[in-house]
């Protein structure tokens, strides 16, 4: 359905997306929002709203307003299940009133978590009467919407479906996975698409300019525990949390000799933070991600780390990483001591130096 809408360029007045696979709901909603708002050069006709703390009446009021200097108004309400919604005191139904005469210049997109509606699409094909009773039992306005408007349900994927999804996600990221990688990722991470997507983003970051992942690459990403791994180490460094960073590095080294992985990934991390210094005023997230070499979902955290550490500490961190790498390659000093010393000096306060 989504691909058909995007191909035709004809957006329904109101569309509801929901289901267990919230990542797929969010991604398809983003595709629709981007496509529908592409013609708006003013930025004044595209709204992304959070249902928490909003009323249904307020959303419908925005949907009824005419676009300014554009052909279409686009309104995306995330967490629409959190909207405060009720019928009028005299029994008037605001949603039905809107549906009877929807704005022809507005695309109203609702995304929601509706556990009580999970499985509705399949149920309708198996036992329509039971499914309709299930829809009737939903809270307002979803009991009405599922009977009257276009909707897309995203049921949870079976484990046998997750492997092919991972391969498609790898292709989208420009990565070739080795044989057995999907099974290992699922065994270590579970079947949550959101968690698996994060692991794939980590793998892409880890590979850098390489496109073919090896079994060792997969093991480096998922081999350590989810609590003690190089990405958690980066986050601790970015927060300036020396104690946590040393703890993670120590636990990683207890699992396996990963000193060069730690040096390599922290060097890449600090290099990205250094590039961010000149990107502070840039508003295009795509440009920031490409220039700094940071996944888009990590840009906010990276700027927070830049603010926390400051340019001076970032430059010093790069120097300490070079020294640590040279020490590890040229001496027999215990690698754990080298890493612990480097992290302690990297994250000590400026006044203590």
C-alpha atoms as a PDB file:
ATOM      1  CA  UNK A   1       0.000   0.000   0.000  1.00  0.00           C
ATOM      2  CA  UNK A   2       2.728   2.467   0.945  1.00  0.00           C
ATOM      3  CA  UNK A   3       4.666   1.883  -2.269  1.00  0.00           C
ATOM      4  CA  UNK A   4       1.475   2.327  -4.293  1.00  0.00           C
ATOM      5  CA  UNK A   5       0.771   5.670  -2.603  1.00  0.00           C
ATOM      6  CA  UNK A   6       4.317   6.866  -3.176  1.00  0.00           C
ATOM      7  CA  UNK A   7       4.280   5.745  -6.804  1.00  0.00           C
ATOM      8  CA  UNK A   8       0.962   7.446  -7.565  1.00  0.00           C
ATOM      9  CA  UNK A   9       1.654  10.568  -5.518  1.00  0.00           C
ATOM     10  CA  UNK A  10      -1.993  10.475  -4.459  1.00  0.00           C
ATOM     11  CA  UNK A  11      -2.271  10.670  -0.678  1.00  0.00           C
ATOM     12  CA  UNK A  12      -5.515   9.767   1.146  1.00  0.00           C
ATOM     13  CA  UNK A  13      -7.106  12.421   3.377  1.00  0.00           C
ATOM     14  CA  UNK A  14      -6.342  10.309   6.460  1.00  0.00           C
ATOM     15  CA  UNK A  15      -4.105   7.268   6.906  1.00  0.00           C
ATOM     16  CA  UNK A  16      -3.500   5.239  10.058  1.00  0.00           C
ATOM     17  CA  UNK A  17      -0.381   3.077  10.545  1.00  0.00           C
ATOM     18  CA  UNK A  18      -0.002   0.777  13.549  1.00  0.00           C
ATOM     19  CA  UNK A  19       1.322  -2.611  14.592  1.00  0.00           C
ATOM     20  CA  UNK A  20       3.808  -4.602  16.621  1.00  0.00           C
ATOM     21  CA  UNK A  21       6.775  -3.716  14.395  1.00  0.00           C
ATOM     22  CA  UNK A  22       6.998  -0.082  15.442  1.00  0.00           C
ATOM     23  CA  UNK A  23      10.268   0.415  13.548  1.00  0.00           C
ATOM     24  CA  UNK A  24       8.556  -0.429  10.254  1.00  0.00           C
ATOM     25  CA  UNK A  25       5.634   1.829  11.159  1.00  0.00           C
ATOM     26  CA  UNK A  26       8.023   4.709  11.833  1.00  0.00           C
ATOM     27  CA  UNK A  27      10.100   4.169   8.707  1.00  0.00           C
ATOM     28  CA  UNK A  28       7.123   3.972   6.354  1.00  0.00           C
ATOM     29  CA  UNK A  29       5.541   6.991   8.017  1.00  0.00           C
ATOM     30  CA  UNK A  30       8.772   8.923   7.462  1.00  0.00           C
ATOM     31  CA  UNK A  31       8.804   7.906   3.788  1.00  0.00           C
ATOM     32  CA  UNK A  32       5.231   9.129   3.368  1.00  0.00           C
ATOM     33  CA  UNK A  33       5.858  12.374   5.245  1.00  0.00           C
ATOM     34  CA  UNK A  34       8.994  13.166   3.234  1.00  0.00           C
ATOM     35  CA  UNK A  35       7.263  12.482  -0.079  1.00  0.00           C
ATOM     36  CA  UNK A  36       4.090  14.386   0.796  1.00  0.00           C
ATOM     37  CA  UNK A  37       5.993  17.421   2.044  1.00  0.00           C
ATOM     38  CA  UNK A  38       8.522  17.520  -0.809  1.00  0.00           C
ATOM     39  CA  UNK A  39       6.635  20.250  -2.690  1.00  0.00           C
ATOM     40  CA  UNK A  40       6.442  22.564   0.311  1.00  0.00           C
ATOM     41  CA  UNK A  41       9.390  24.938  -0.093  1.00  0.00           C
ATOM     42  CA  UNK A  42       8.217  27.199   2.737  1.00  0.00           C
ATOM     43  CA  UNK A  43       8.317  24.676   5.593  1.00  0.00           C
ATOM     44  CA  UNK A  44       5.110  26.230   6.935  1.00  0.00           C
ATOM     45  CA  UNK A  45       2.734  23.457   5.924  1.00  0.00           C
ATOM     46  CA  UNK A  46       4.335  20.368   7.409  1.00  0.00           C
ATOM     47  CA  UNK A  47       3.719  19.465  11.048  1.00  0.00           C
ATOM     48  CA  UNK A  48       5.000  16.545  13.113  1.00  0.00           C
ATOM     49  CA  UNK A  49       2.988  16.397  16.324  1.00  0.00           C
ATOM     50  CA  UNK A  50       3.139  14.235  19.425  1.00  0.00           C
ATOM     51  CA  UNK A  51      -0.214  12.887  20.577  1.00  0.00           C
ATOM     52  CA  UNK A  52       0.869  13.130  24.214  1.00  0.00           C
ATOM     53  CA  UNK A  53      -0.795  16.208  25.688  1.00  0.00           C
ATOM     54  CA  UNK A  54      -2.756  17.045  22.532  1.00  0.00           C
ATOM     55  CA  UNK A  55      -6.470  16.867  21.876  1.00  0.00           C
ATOM     56  CA  UNK A  56      -8.090  15.320  18.852  1.00  0.00           C
ATOM     57  CA  UNK A  57      -9.988  18.557  18.262  1.00  0.00           C
ATOM     58  CA  UNK A  58      -6.698  20.478  18.026  1.00  0.00           C
ATOM     59  CA  UNK A  59      -5.344  18.017  15.444  1.00  0.00           C
ATOM     60  CA  UNK A  60      -8.477  18.233  13.322  1.00  0.00           C
ATOM     61  CA  UNK A  61      -8.368  22.019  13.517  1.00  0.00           C
ATOM     62  CA  UNK A  62      -4.835  21.990  12.093  1.00  0.00           C
ATOM     63  CA  UNK A  63      -5.896  19.491   9.429  1.00  0.00           C
ATOM     64  CA  UNK A  64      -8.732  21.794   8.341  1.00  0.00           C
ATOM     65  CA  UNK A  65      -6.480  24.817   7.906  1.00  0.00           C
ATOM     66  CA  UNK A  66      -5.509  25.678   4.340  1.00  0.00           C
ATOM     67  CA  UNK A  67      -1.866  25.427   3.248  1.00  0.00           C
ATOM     68  CA  UNK A  68       0.050  28.657   2.713  1.00  0.00           C
ATOM     69  CA  UNK A  69       1.824  29.062  -0.622  1.00  0.00           C
ATOM     70  CA  UNK A  70       1.724  25.305  -1.190  1.00  0.00           C
ATOM     71  CA  UNK A  71      -0.646  22.730  -2.651  1.00  0.00           C
ATOM     72  CA  UNK A  72      -0.782  20.523   0.422  1.00  0.00           C
ATOM     73  CA  UNK A  73      -0.676  20.561   4.200  1.00  0.00           C
ATOM     74  CA  UNK A  74       0.937  17.496   5.794  1.00  0.00           C
ATOM     75  CA  UNK A  75       0.183  16.600   9.411  1.00  0.00           C
ATOM     76  CA  UNK A  76       1.859  13.600  11.028  1.00  0.00           C
ATOM     77  CA  UNK A  77       0.649  12.736  14.531  1.00  0.00           C
ATOM     78  CA  UNK A  78       3.019  10.335  16.246  1.00  0.00           C
ATOM     79  CA  UNK A  79       1.750   8.345  19.244  1.00  0.00           C
ATOM     80  CA  UNK A  80      -1.803   9.125  18.157  1.00  0.00           C
ATOM     81  CA  UNK A  81      -3.006   6.598  20.746  1.00  0.00           C
ATOM     82  CA  UNK A  82      -2.043   9.214  23.382  1.00  0.00           C
ATOM     83  CA  UNK A  83      -4.440  11.831  21.997  1.00  0.00           C
ATOM     84  CA  UNK A  84      -7.157  13.066  24.297  1.00  0.00           C
ATOM     85  CA  UNK A  85     -10.298  12.236  22.348  1.00  0.00           C
ATOM     86  CA  UNK A  86     -13.974  12.270  23.183  1.00  0.00           C
ATOM     87  CA  UNK A  87     -17.282  12.851  21.480  1.00  0.00           C
ATOM     88  CA  UNK A  88     -19.105  16.153  21.907  1.00  0.00           C
ATOM     89  CA  UNK A  89     -21.481  16.742  24.792  1.00  0.00           C
ATOM     90  CA  UNK A  90     -24.475  16.438  22.469  1.00  0.00           C
ATOM     91  CA  UNK A  91     -23.221  13.230  20.931  1.00  0.00           C
ATOM     92  CA  UNK A  92     -21.467  14.929  18.027  1.00  0.00           C
ATOM     93  CA  UNK A  93     -18.618  12.884  16.630  1.00  0.00           C
ATOM     94  CA  UNK A  94     -15.744  15.208  15.577  1.00  0.00           C
ATOM     95  CA  UNK A  95     -13.922  12.469  13.679  1.00  0.00           C
ATOM     96  CA  UNK A  96     -16.996  11.441  11.716  1.00  0.00           C
ATOM     97  CA  UNK A  97     -17.692  15.099  10.968  1.00  0.00           C
ATOM     98  CA  UNK A  98     -14.172  15.452   9.585  1.00  0.00           C
ATOM     99  CA  UNK A  99     -14.426  12.232   7.588  1.00  0.00           C
ATOM    100  CA  UNK A 100     -17.732  13.393   6.073  1.00  0.00           C
ATOM    101  CA  UNK A 101     -15.961  16.460   4.686  1.00  0.00           C
ATOM    102  CA  UNK A 102     -12.175  15.989   4.917  1.00  0.00           C
ATOM    103  CA  UNK A 103      -9.836  18.712   3.773  1.00  0.00           C
ATOM    104  CA  UNK A 104      -8.862  17.939   0.188  1.00  0.00           C
ATOM    105  CA  UNK A 105      -5.583  19.819   0.652  1.00  0.00           C
ATOM    106  CA  UNK A 106      -4.421  17.957   3.777  1.00  0.00           C
ATOM    107  CA  UNK A 107      -2.732  14.613   4.244  1.00  0.00           C
ATOM    108  CA  UNK A 108      -3.338  13.573   7.853  1.00  0.00           C
ATOM    109  CA  UNK A 109      -1.087  10.701   8.949  1.00  0.00           C
ATOM    110  CA  UNK A 110      -1.556   8.949  12.290  1.00  0.00           C
ATOM    111  CA  UNK A 111       0.879   6.426  13.764  1.00  0.00           C
ATOM    112  CA  UNK A 112      -0.060   4.576  16.912  1.00  0.00           C
ATOM    113  CA  UNK A 113       0.603   1.647  19.208  1.00  0.00           C
ATOM    114  CA  UNK A 114      -2.663  -0.310  19.402  1.00  0.00           C
ATOM    115  CA  UNK A 115      -1.960  -3.663  21.120  1.00  0.00           C
ATOM    116  CA  UNK A 116      -5.689  -4.433  21.238  1.00  0.00           C
ATOM    117  CA  UNK A 117      -5.819  -4.159  17.451  1.00  0.00           C
ATOM    118  CA  UNK A 118      -2.802  -6.361  16.724  1.00  0.00           C
ATOM    119  CA  UNK A 119      -3.727  -9.110  14.291  1.00  0.00           C
ATOM    120  CA  UNK A 120      -6.818  -7.339  12.963  1.00  0.00           C
ATOM    121  CA  UNK A 121      -5.797  -7.654   9.312  1.00  0.00           C
ATOM    122  CA  UNK A 122      -5.315 -11.425   9.547  1.00  0.00           C
ATOM    123  CA  UNK A 123      -8.462 -11.815  11.648  1.00  0.00           C
ATOM    124  CA  UNK A 124     -10.576 -10.073   9.023  1.00  0.00           C
ATOM    125  CA  UNK A 125      -9.672 -12.747   6.470  1.00  0.00           C
ATOM    126  CA  UNK A 126     -10.279 -15.635   8.878  1.00  0.00           C
ATOM    127  CA  UNK A 127     -13.350 -14.557  10.816  1.00  0.00           C
ATOM    128  CA  UNK A 128     -14.744 -11.173   9.827  1.00  0.00           C
ATOM    129  CA  UNK A 129     -17.466 -11.177  12.484  1.00  0.00           C
ATOM    130  CA  UNK A 130     -14.962 -11.760  15.308  1.00  0.00           C
ATOM    131  CA  UNK A 131     -12.601  -9.137  13.890  1.00  0.00           C
ATOM    132  CA  UNK A 132     -15.381  -6.559  13.684  1.00  0.00           C
ATOM    133  CA  UNK A 133     -16.286  -7.178  17.323  1.00  0.00           C
ATOM    134  CA  UNK A 134     -12.629  -6.678  18.181  1.00  0.00           C
ATOM    135  CA  UNK A 135     -12.587  -3.385  16.284  1.00  0.00           C
ATOM    136  CA  UNK A 136     -15.798  -2.245  17.980  1.00  0.00           C
ATOM    137  CA  UNK A 137     -14.151  -2.828  21.367  1.00  0.00           C
ATOM    138  CA  UNK A 138     -11.264  -0.451  20.612  1.00  0.00           C
ATOM    139  CA  UNK A 139     -11.220   2.940  22.266  1.00  0.00           C
ATOM    140  CA  UNK A 140     -12.492   5.945  20.389  1.00  0.00           C
ATOM    141  CA  UNK A 141     -11.609   7.100  17.739  1.00  0.00           C
ATOM    142  CA  UNK A 142      -9.783   3.952  16.561  1.00  0.00           C
ATOM    143  CA  UNK A 143     -12.971   1.868  16.619  1.00  0.00           C
ATOM    144  CA  UNK A 144     -14.300   4.308  14.036  1.00  0.00           C
ATOM    145  CA  UNK A 145     -11.103   4.768  12.023  1.00  0.00           C
ATOM    146  CA  UNK A 146     -10.473   1.064  11.423  1.00  0.00           C
ATOM    147  CA  UNK A 147     -13.934   0.775   9.929  1.00  0.00           C
ATOM    148  CA  UNK A 148     -13.811   3.862   7.728  1.00  0.00           C
ATOM    149  CA  UNK A 149     -10.306   4.958   6.679  1.00  0.00           C
ATOM    150  CA  UNK A 150      -7.264   3.500   4.970  1.00  0.00           C
ATOM    151  CA  UNK A 151      -4.882   1.835   7.406  1.00  0.00           C
ATOM    152  CA  UNK A 152      -1.748  -0.252   7.395  1.00  0.00           C
ATOM    153  CA  UNK A 153      -0.958  -2.870  10.021  1.00  0.00           C
ATOM    154  CA  UNK A 154       2.595  -4.060  10.693  1.00  0.00           C
ATOM    155  CA  UNK A 155       2.356  -7.430  12.467  1.00  0.00           C
ATOM    156  CA  UNK A 156       5.379  -8.855  14.248  1.00  0.00           C
ATOM    157  CA  UNK A 157       7.754 -10.793  12.017  1.00  0.00           C
ATOM    158  CA  UNK A 158       8.327 -14.474  12.679  1.00  0.00           C
ATOM    159  CA  UNK A 159      11.935 -15.463  13.353  1.00  0.00           C
ATOM    160  CA  UNK A 160      12.121 -17.075   9.912  1.00  0.00           C
ATOM    161  CA  UNK A 161      11.250 -13.673   8.397  1.00  0.00           C
ATOM    162  CA  UNK A 162      13.790 -11.686  10.406  1.00  0.00           C
ATOM    163  CA  UNK A 163      16.826 -13.204   8.653  1.00  0.00           C
ATOM    164  CA  UNK A 164      15.712 -12.064   5.169  1.00  0.00           C
ATOM    165  CA  UNK A 165      14.853  -8.656   6.638  1.00  0.00           C
ATOM    166  CA  UNK A 166      18.403  -8.379   8.011  1.00  0.00           C
ATOM    167  CA  UNK A 167      19.862  -9.164   4.602  1.00  0.00           C
ATOM    168  CA  UNK A 168      17.716  -6.460   3.010  1.00  0.00           C
ATOM    169  CA  UNK A 169      18.775  -4.000   5.718  1.00  0.00           C
ATOM    170  CA  UNK A 170      22.429  -4.855   5.030  1.00  0.00           C
ATOM    171  CA  UNK A 171      21.923  -4.230   1.320  1.00  0.00           C
ATOM    172  CA  UNK A 172      20.292  -0.880   2.108  1.00  0.00           C
ATOM    173  CA  UNK A 173      23.377   0.047   4.148  1.00  0.00           C
ATOM    174  CA  UNK A 174      25.717  -1.144   1.384  1.00  0.00           C
ATOM    175  CA  UNK A 175      26.990  -4.089   3.421  1.00  0.00           C
ATOM    176  CA  UNK A 176      27.511  -7.692   2.409  1.00  0.00           C
ATOM    177  CA  UNK A 177      26.979 -10.113   5.320  1.00  0.00           C
ATOM    178  CA  UNK A 178      28.935 -13.362   5.636  1.00  0.00           C
ATOM    179  CA  UNK A 179      27.128 -16.696   5.825  1.00  0.00           C
ATOM    180  CA  UNK A 180      25.582 -17.294   9.235  1.00  0.00           C
ATOM    181  CA  UNK A 181      25.662 -13.620  10.236  1.00  0.00           C
ATOM    182  CA  UNK A 182      21.865 -13.156  10.436  1.00  0.00           C
ATOM    183  CA  UNK A 183      21.528 -16.201  12.667  1.00  0.00           C
ATOM    184  CA  UNK A 184      24.315 -14.983  14.974  1.00  0.00           C
ATOM    185  CA  UNK A 185      22.853 -11.481  15.179  1.00  0.00           C
ATOM    186  CA  UNK A 186      19.408 -12.870  16.019  1.00  0.00           C
ATOM    187  CA  UNK A 187      20.841 -15.272  18.612  1.00  0.00           C
ATOM    188  CA  UNK A 188      22.755 -12.477  20.358  1.00  0.00           C
ATOM    189  CA  UNK A 189      20.271  -9.612  19.947  1.00  0.00           C
ATOM    190  CA  UNK A 190      16.830 -11.205  19.652  1.00  0.00           C
ATOM    191  CA  UNK A 191      14.185 -10.592  17.014  1.00  0.00           C
ATOM    192  CA  UNK A 192      13.407  -6.936  17.780  1.00  0.00           C
ATOM    193  CA  UNK A 193      13.854  -5.122  14.452  1.00  0.00           C
ATOM    194  CA  UNK A 194      14.721  -1.896  16.257  1.00  0.00           C
ATOM    195  CA  UNK A 195      17.524  -3.586  18.217  1.00  0.00           C
ATOM    196  CA  UNK A 196      18.765  -5.394  15.114  1.00  0.00           C
ATOM    197  CA  UNK A 197      18.700  -2.159  13.138  1.00  0.00           C
ATOM    198  CA  UNK A 198      20.908  -0.564  15.779  1.00  0.00           C
ATOM    199  CA  UNK A 199      23.344  -3.479  15.523  1.00  0.00           C
ATOM    200  CA  UNK A 200      23.459  -3.077  11.751  1.00  0.00           C
ATOM    201  CA  UNK A 201      24.160   0.653  12.112  1.00  0.00           C
ATOM    202  CA  UNK A 202      26.972  -0.215  14.497  1.00  0.00           C
ATOM    203  CA  UNK A 203      28.363  -2.719  12.003  1.00  0.00           C
ATOM    204  CA  UNK A 204      28.286  -0.117   9.226  1.00  0.00           C
ATOM    205  CA  UNK A 205      30.136   2.332  11.479  1.00  0.00           C
ATOM    206  CA  UNK A 206      32.656  -0.341  12.444  1.00  0.00           C
ATOM    207  CA  UNK A 207      33.355  -1.290   8.813  1.00  0.00           C
ATOM    208  CA  UNK A 208      34.016   2.289   7.759  1.00  0.00           C
ATOM    209  CA  UNK A 209      34.839   2.286   4.039  1.00  0.00           C
ATOM    210  CA  UNK A 210      34.660  -1.506   3.766  1.00  0.00           C
ATOM    211  CA  UNK A 211      31.513  -3.075   2.334  1.00  0.00           C
ATOM    212  CA  UNK A 212      32.093  -6.784   3.009  1.00  0.00           C
ATOM    213  CA  UNK A 213      31.724  -7.862   6.620  1.00  0.00           C
ATOM    214  CA  UNK A 214      33.690 -10.873   7.842  1.00  0.00           C
ATOM    215  CA  UNK A 215      32.756 -13.320  10.614  1.00  0.00           C
ATOM    216  CA  UNK A 216      35.320 -11.529  12.803  1.00  0.00           C
ATOM    217  CA  UNK A 217      33.545  -8.222  12.190  1.00  0.00           C
ATOM    218  CA  UNK A 218      30.222  -9.712  13.290  1.00  0.00           C
ATOM    219  CA  UNK A 219      31.857 -11.234  16.341  1.00  0.00           C
ATOM    220  CA  UNK A 220      33.439  -7.893  17.245  1.00  0.00           C
ATOM    221  CA  UNK A 221      29.995  -6.284  17.229  1.00  0.00           C
ATOM    222  CA  UNK A 222      27.998  -8.938  19.061  1.00  0.00           C
ATOM    223  CA  UNK A 223      30.733 -10.960  20.770  1.00  0.00           C
ATOM    224  CA  UNK A 224      30.950  -8.780  23.872  1.00  0.00           C
ATOM    225  CA  UNK A 225      27.990  -8.421  26.144  1.00  0.00           C
ATOM    226  CA  UNK A 226      25.425  -5.750  25.302  1.00  0.00           C
ATOM    227  CA  UNK A 227      26.546  -3.852  28.392  1.00  0.00           C
ATOM    228  CA  UNK A 228      30.295  -4.018  27.795  1.00  0.00           C
ATOM    229  CA  UNK A 229      31.167  -3.298  24.156  1.00  0.00           C
ATOM    230  CA  UNK A 230      33.025  -0.668  22.172  1.00  0.00           C
ATOM    231  CA  UNK A 231      29.901   1.368  21.433  1.00  0.00           C
ATOM    232  CA  UNK A 232      28.962   1.557  25.111  1.00  0.00           C
ATOM    233  CA  UNK A 233      32.593   2.582  25.696  1.00  0.00           C
ATOM    234  CA  UNK A 234      32.239   5.401  23.151  1.00  0.00           C
ATOM    235  CA  UNK A 235      29.073   6.607  24.863  1.00  0.00           C
ATOM    236  CA  UNK A 236      30.783   6.609  28.273  1.00  0.00           C
ATOM    237  CA  UNK A 237      33.719   8.584  26.844  1.00  0.00           C
ATOM    238  CA  UNK A 238      31.302  11.017  25.215  1.00  0.00           C
ATOM    239  CA  UNK A 239      29.641  11.601  28.584  1.00  0.00           C
ATOM    240  CA  UNK A 240      33.024  12.183  30.203  1.00  0.00           C
ATOM    241  CA  UNK A 241      32.374   9.243  32.552  1.00  0.00           C
ATOM    242  CA  UNK A 242      35.911   8.014  33.235  1.00  0.00           C
ATOM    243  CA  UNK A 243      34.927   5.374  35.790  1.00  0.00           C
ATOM    244  CA  UNK A 244      32.368   3.785  33.478  1.00  0.00           C
ATOM    245  CA  UNK A 245      34.744   3.924  30.492  1.00  0.00           C
ATOM    246  CA  UNK A 246      37.524   2.167  32.421  1.00  0.00           C
ATOM    247  CA  UNK A 247      35.067  -0.462  33.693  1.00  0.00           C
ATOM    248  CA  UNK A 248      33.816  -1.228  30.170  1.00  0.00           C
ATOM    249  CA  UNK A 249      37.329  -1.406  28.732  1.00  0.00           C
ATOM    250  CA  UNK A 250      38.420  -3.719  31.542  1.00  0.00           C
ATOM    251  CA  UNK A 251      35.466  -6.067  31.039  1.00  0.00           C
ATOM    252  CA  UNK A 252      36.037  -6.101  27.277  1.00  0.00           C
ATOM    253  CA  UNK A 253      39.667  -7.073  27.796  1.00  0.00           C
ATOM    254  CA  UNK A 254      38.613  -9.843  30.188  1.00  0.00           C
ATOM    255  CA  UNK A 255      36.442 -11.310  27.419  1.00  0.00           C
ATOM    256  CA  UNK A 256      39.041 -11.073  24.684  1.00  0.00           C
ATOM    257  CA  UNK A 257      42.127  -9.090  23.649  1.00  0.00           C
ATOM    258  CA  UNK A 258      40.409  -6.132  22.013  1.00  0.00           C
ATOM    259  CA  UNK A 259      42.911  -3.346  22.580  1.00  0.00           C
ATOM    260  CA  UNK A 260      43.412  -2.525  18.890  1.00  0.00           C
ATOM    261  CA  UNK A 261      39.653  -2.568  18.268  1.00  0.00           C
ATOM    262  CA  UNK A 262      39.218  -0.109  21.140  1.00  0.00           C
ATOM    263  CA  UNK A 263      41.988   2.163  19.849  1.00  0.00           C
ATOM    264  CA  UNK A 264      40.654   2.032  16.279  1.00  0.00           C
ATOM    265  CA  UNK A 265      37.035   2.771  17.169  1.00  0.00           C
ATOM    266  CA  UNK A 266      37.866   5.520  19.682  1.00  0.00           C
ATOM    267  CA  UNK A 267      40.164   7.159  17.113  1.00  0.00           C
ATOM    268  CA  UNK A 268      37.339   7.116  14.584  1.00  0.00           C
ATOM    269  CA  UNK A 269      34.957   8.483  17.236  1.00  0.00           C
ATOM    270  CA  UNK A 270      37.248  11.367  18.241  1.00  0.00           C
ATOM    271  CA  UNK A 271      37.943  12.155  14.585  1.00  0.00           C
ATOM    272  CA  UNK A 272      34.202  12.455  13.978  1.00  0.00           C
ATOM    273  CA  UNK A 273      33.817  14.731  17.015  1.00  0.00           C
ATOM    274  CA  UNK A 274      36.707  16.869  15.755  1.00  0.00           C
ATOM    275  CA  UNK A 275      34.968  17.278  12.378  1.00  0.00           C
ATOM    276  CA  UNK A 276      31.780  18.321  14.168  1.00  0.00           C
ATOM    277  CA  UNK A 277      33.501  21.432  15.506  1.00  0.00           C
ATOM    278  CA  UNK A 278      33.110  23.128  12.106  1.00  0.00           C
ATOM    279  CA  UNK A 279      29.589  21.759  11.550  1.00  0.00           C
ATOM    280  CA  UNK A 280      27.858  23.446  14.467  1.00  0.00           C
ATOM    281  CA  UNK A 281      25.832  25.827  12.267  1.00  0.00           C
ATOM    282  CA  UNK A 282      24.903  23.264   9.596  1.00  0.00           C
ATOM    283  CA  UNK A 283      21.204  22.308   9.620  1.00  0.00           C
ATOM    284  CA  UNK A 284      21.249  19.545   6.992  1.00  0.00           C
ATOM    285  CA  UNK A 285      21.522  16.304   9.014  1.00  0.00           C
ATOM    286  CA  UNK A 286      22.503  14.390   5.886  1.00  0.00           C
ATOM    287  CA  UNK A 287      25.459  16.692   5.307  1.00  0.00           C
ATOM    288  CA  UNK A 288      26.497  16.450   8.960  1.00  0.00           C
ATOM    289  CA  UNK A 289      26.324  12.647   8.901  1.00  0.00           C
ATOM    290  CA  UNK A 290      28.314  12.408   5.669  1.00  0.00           C
ATOM    291  CA  UNK A 291      31.009  14.938   6.615  1.00  0.00           C
ATOM    292  CA  UNK A 292      31.530  13.753  10.183  1.00  0.00           C
ATOM    293  CA  UNK A 293      31.048  10.055   9.436  1.00  0.00           C
ATOM    294  CA  UNK A 294      28.311   9.692  12.051  1.00  0.00           C
ATOM    295  CA  UNK A 295      25.071   7.713  11.619  1.00  0.00           C
ATOM    296  CA  UNK A 296      22.128  10.165  11.498  1.00  0.00           C
ATOM    297  CA  UNK A 297      20.547   8.692  14.638  1.00  0.00           C
ATOM    298  CA  UNK A 298      23.758   9.476  16.585  1.00  0.00           C
ATOM    299  CA  UNK A 299      24.146  13.142  15.590  1.00  0.00           C
ATOM    300  CA  UNK A 300      22.414  14.495  18.689  1.00  0.00           C
ATOM    301  CA  UNK A 301      24.551  12.356  21.013  1.00  0.00           C
ATOM    302  CA  UNK A 302      27.699  13.407  19.142  1.00  0.00           C
ATOM    303  CA  UNK A 303      26.968  17.116  19.593  1.00  0.00           C
ATOM    304  CA  UNK A 304      26.279  16.455  23.291  1.00  0.00           C
ATOM    305  CA  UNK A 305      29.685  14.759  23.531  1.00  0.00           C
ATOM    306  CA  UNK A 306      31.321  17.698  21.763  1.00  0.00           C
ATOM    307  CA  UNK A 307      29.769  20.078  24.287  1.00  0.00           C
ATOM    308  CA  UNK A 308      30.788  17.859  27.202  1.00  0.00           C
ATOM    309  CA  UNK A 309      34.398  17.266  26.163  1.00  0.00           C
ATOM    310  CA  UNK A 310      35.190  20.488  24.332  1.00  0.00           C
ATOM    311  CA  UNK A 311      37.573  20.934  21.372  1.00  0.00           C
ATOM    312  CA  UNK A 312      40.701  21.001  23.532  1.00  0.00           C
ATOM    313  CA  UNK A 313      39.989  17.689  25.202  1.00  0.00           C
ATOM    314  CA  UNK A 314      39.088  16.127  21.842  1.00  0.00           C
ATOM    315  CA  UNK A 315      42.451  17.177  20.343  1.00  0.00           C
ATOM    316  CA  UNK A 316      44.220  15.832  23.421  1.00  0.00           C
ATOM    317  CA  UNK A 317      42.253  12.588  23.124  1.00  0.00           C
ATOM    318  CA  UNK A 318      43.479  12.071  19.569  1.00  0.00           C
ATOM    319  CA  UNK A 319      47.063  12.617  20.699  1.00  0.00           C
ATOM    320  CA  UNK A 320      46.642  10.147  23.574  1.00  0.00           C
ATOM    321  CA  UNK A 321      45.201   7.557  21.193  1.00  0.00           C
ATOM    322  CA  UNK A 322      48.213   7.890  18.886  1.00  0.00           C
ATOM    323  CA  UNK A 323      50.568   7.484  21.830  1.00  0.00           C
ATOM    324  CA  UNK A 324      48.663   4.458  23.155  1.00  0.00           C
ATOM    325  CA  UNK A 325      48.713   2.778  19.736  1.00  0.00           C
ATOM    326  CA  UNK A 326      52.457   3.322  19.404  1.00  0.00           C
ATOM    327  CA  UNK A 327      53.015   1.953  22.922  1.00  0.00           C
ATOM    328  CA  UNK A 328      50.957  -1.177  22.243  1.00  0.00           C
ATOM    329  CA  UNK A 329      52.845  -1.860  19.016  1.00  0.00           C
ATOM    330  CA  UNK A 330      56.349  -1.205  20.322  1.00  0.00           C
ATOM    331  CA  UNK A 331      56.466  -2.374  23.947  1.00  0.00           C
ATOM    332  CA  UNK A 332      55.419  -5.318  26.088  1.00  0.00           C
ATOM    333  CA  UNK A 333      53.474  -3.147  28.523  1.00  0.00           C
ATOM    334  CA  UNK A 334      50.214  -4.769  29.668  1.00  0.00           C
ATOM    335  CA  UNK A 335      47.587  -3.561  27.138  1.00  0.00           C
ATOM    336  CA  UNK A 336      44.960  -3.141  29.862  1.00  0.00           C
ATOM    337  CA  UNK A 337      47.243  -0.786  31.809  1.00  0.00           C
ATOM    338  CA  UNK A 338      47.874   1.221  28.610  1.00  0.00           C
ATOM    339  CA  UNK A 339      44.128   1.551  27.973  1.00  0.00           C
ATOM    340  CA  UNK A 340      43.261   2.391  31.584  1.00  0.00           C
ATOM    341  CA  UNK A 341      45.950   5.061  31.732  1.00  0.00           C
ATOM    342  CA  UNK A 342      44.878   6.517  28.389  1.00  0.00           C
ATOM    343  CA  UNK A 343      41.205   6.738  29.404  1.00  0.00           C
ATOM    344  CA  UNK A 344      42.014   8.254  32.787  1.00  0.00           C
ATOM    345  CA  UNK A 345      44.172  10.978  31.189  1.00  0.00           C
ATOM    346  CA  UNK A 346      41.702  11.472  28.353  1.00  0.00           C
ATOM    347  CA  UNK A 347      38.775  12.159  30.696  1.00  0.00           C
ATOM    348  CA  UNK A 348      40.367  13.870  33.672  1.00  0.00           C
ATOM    349  CA  UNK A 349      39.136  17.379  34.386  1.00  0.00           C
ATOM    350  CA  UNK A 350      41.108  20.311  32.936  1.00  0.00           C
ATOM    351  CA  UNK A 351      41.769  21.667  36.437  1.00  0.00           C
ATOM    352  CA  UNK A 352      43.406  18.406  37.534  1.00  0.00           C
ATOM    353  CA  UNK A 353      46.111  18.530  34.874  1.00  0.00           C
END
